[in-house]
C-alpha atoms as a PDB file:
ATOM      1  CA  UNK A   1       0.145   0.023   0.088  1.00  0.00           C
ATOM      2  CA  UNK A   2       1.026   3.174  -0.643  1.00  0.00           C
ATOM      3  CA  UNK A   3       1.919   5.995   1.879  1.00  0.00           C
ATOM      4  CA  UNK A   4      -0.341   8.969   2.012  1.00  0.00           C
ATOM      5  CA  UNK A   5       2.035  12.360   1.630  1.00  0.00           C
ATOM      6  CA  UNK A   6      -0.342  15.188   2.365  1.00  0.00           C
ATOM      7  CA  UNK A   7      -4.001  15.058   3.847  1.00  0.00           C
ATOM      8  CA  UNK A   8      -5.990  18.288   3.357  1.00  0.00           C
ATOM      9  CA  UNK A   9     -10.183  19.002   4.403  1.00  0.00           C
ATOM     10  CA  UNK A  10     -12.478  21.236   2.841  1.00  0.00           C
ATOM     11  CA  UNK A  11     -15.107  21.996   5.058  1.00  0.00           C
ATOM     12  CA  UNK A  12     -18.331  23.797   3.523  1.00  0.00           C
ATOM     13  CA  UNK A  13     -20.980  25.955   4.586  1.00  0.00           C
ATOM     14  CA  UNK A  14     -24.126  26.828   2.667  1.00  0.00           C
ATOM     15  CA  UNK A  15     -25.965  30.223   3.627  1.00  0.00           C
ATOM     16  CA  UNK A  16     -29.006  31.759   1.852  1.00  0.00           C
ATOM     17  CA  UNK A  17     -29.259  35.289   1.157  1.00  0.00           C
ATOM     18  CA  UNK A  18     -32.622  37.293   1.276  1.00  0.00           C
ATOM     19  CA  UNK A  19     -33.447  36.659  -2.369  1.00  0.00           C
ATOM     20  CA  UNK A  20     -33.069  33.026  -1.633  1.00  0.00           C
ATOM     21  CA  UNK A  21     -29.442  32.503  -3.365  1.00  0.00           C
ATOM     22  CA  UNK A  22     -27.232  30.104  -1.907  1.00  0.00           C
ATOM     23  CA  UNK A  23     -23.815  31.344  -0.886  1.00  0.00           C
ATOM     24  CA  UNK A  24     -20.747  28.428  -0.608  1.00  0.00           C
ATOM     25  CA  UNK A  25     -17.934  29.233   2.072  1.00  0.00           C
ATOM     26  CA  UNK A  26     -15.256  26.931   1.846  1.00  0.00           C
ATOM     27  CA  UNK A  27     -12.464  26.153   4.515  1.00  0.00           C
ATOM     28  CA  UNK A  28      -9.675  24.584   3.678  1.00  0.00           C
ATOM     29  CA  UNK A  29      -7.129  23.475   6.345  1.00  0.00           C
ATOM     30  CA  UNK A  30      -3.654  21.258   4.505  1.00  0.00           C
ATOM     31  CA  UNK A  31      -0.820  19.754   5.956  1.00  0.00           C
ATOM     32  CA  UNK A  32      -2.622  17.603   8.568  1.00  0.00           C
ATOM     33  CA  UNK A  33      -0.969  14.492   9.872  1.00  0.00           C
ATOM     34  CA  UNK A  34      -1.249  12.106   7.257  1.00  0.00           C
ATOM     35  CA  UNK A  35      -2.113   9.507   9.878  1.00  0.00           C
ATOM     36  CA  UNK A  36      -5.106  10.835  11.612  1.00  0.00           C
ATOM     37  CA  UNK A  37      -7.735   8.253  11.434  1.00  0.00           C
ATOM     38  CA  UNK A  38     -11.398   9.489  10.209  1.00  0.00           C
ATOM     39  CA  UNK A  39     -12.541   9.611  14.076  1.00  0.00           C
ATOM     40  CA  UNK A  40      -9.856  12.326  14.416  1.00  0.00           C
ATOM     41  CA  UNK A  41     -10.844  14.133  11.539  1.00  0.00           C
ATOM     42  CA  UNK A  42     -14.083  14.461  12.834  1.00  0.00           C
ATOM     43  CA  UNK A  43     -13.382  15.508  16.142  1.00  0.00           C
ATOM     44  CA  UNK A  44     -10.705  18.311  14.698  1.00  0.00           C
ATOM     45  CA  UNK A  45     -13.976  19.341  12.058  1.00  0.00           C
ATOM     46  CA  UNK A  46     -16.008  19.384  15.359  1.00  0.00           C
ATOM     47  CA  UNK A  47     -13.292  21.867  17.124  1.00  0.00           C
ATOM     48  CA  UNK A  48     -13.325  24.171  14.268  1.00  0.00           C
ATOM     49  CA  UNK A  49     -16.834  24.303  14.025  1.00  0.00           C
ATOM     50  CA  UNK A  50     -17.389  25.219  17.410  1.00  0.00           C
ATOM     51  CA  UNK A  51     -14.152  27.974  17.728  1.00  0.00           C
ATOM     52  CA  UNK A  52     -15.347  29.471  14.787  1.00  0.00           C
ATOM     53  CA  UNK A  53     -19.380  29.269  15.502  1.00  0.00           C
ATOM     54  CA  UNK A  54     -20.021  27.773  11.625  1.00  0.00           C
ATOM     55  CA  UNK A  55     -21.712  24.845  11.501  1.00  0.00           C
ATOM     56  CA  UNK A  56     -20.300  22.437   8.503  1.00  0.00           C
ATOM     57  CA  UNK A  57     -22.587  21.376   5.667  1.00  0.00           C
ATOM     58  CA  UNK A  58     -19.926  19.404   3.824  1.00  0.00           C
ATOM     59  CA  UNK A  59     -16.354  17.964   4.538  1.00  0.00           C
ATOM     60  CA  UNK A  60     -14.239  16.932   2.107  1.00  0.00           C
ATOM     61  CA  UNK A  61     -10.947  14.669   3.004  1.00  0.00           C
ATOM     62  CA  UNK A  62      -8.090  14.917   0.371  1.00  0.00           C
ATOM     63  CA  UNK A  63      -5.966  12.391   0.286  1.00  0.00           C
ATOM     64  CA  UNK A  64      -2.695  12.490  -1.721  1.00  0.00           C
ATOM     65  CA  UNK A  65      -0.954   9.156  -2.677  1.00  0.00           C
ATOM     66  CA  UNK A  66       2.651   8.918  -4.309  1.00  0.00           C
ATOM     67  CA  UNK A  67       2.249   6.124  -6.926  1.00  0.00           C
ATOM     68  CA  UNK A  68       5.405   5.858  -7.375  1.00  0.00           C
END
């Protein structure tokens, strides 16, 4: 199995303005511990959401692996 060389998380928050138009706000966290488990990533996202008082609607985990 190939080693993960980079781990990033993209958190998306969707709000609606007065006219009902959706607006996406994304926060990206890069260079995280590549050995982090799914539960550790969820805990990290929950802590960030509480600190900035912004609930996230979607969380994307991007793992980069070297194939060669």
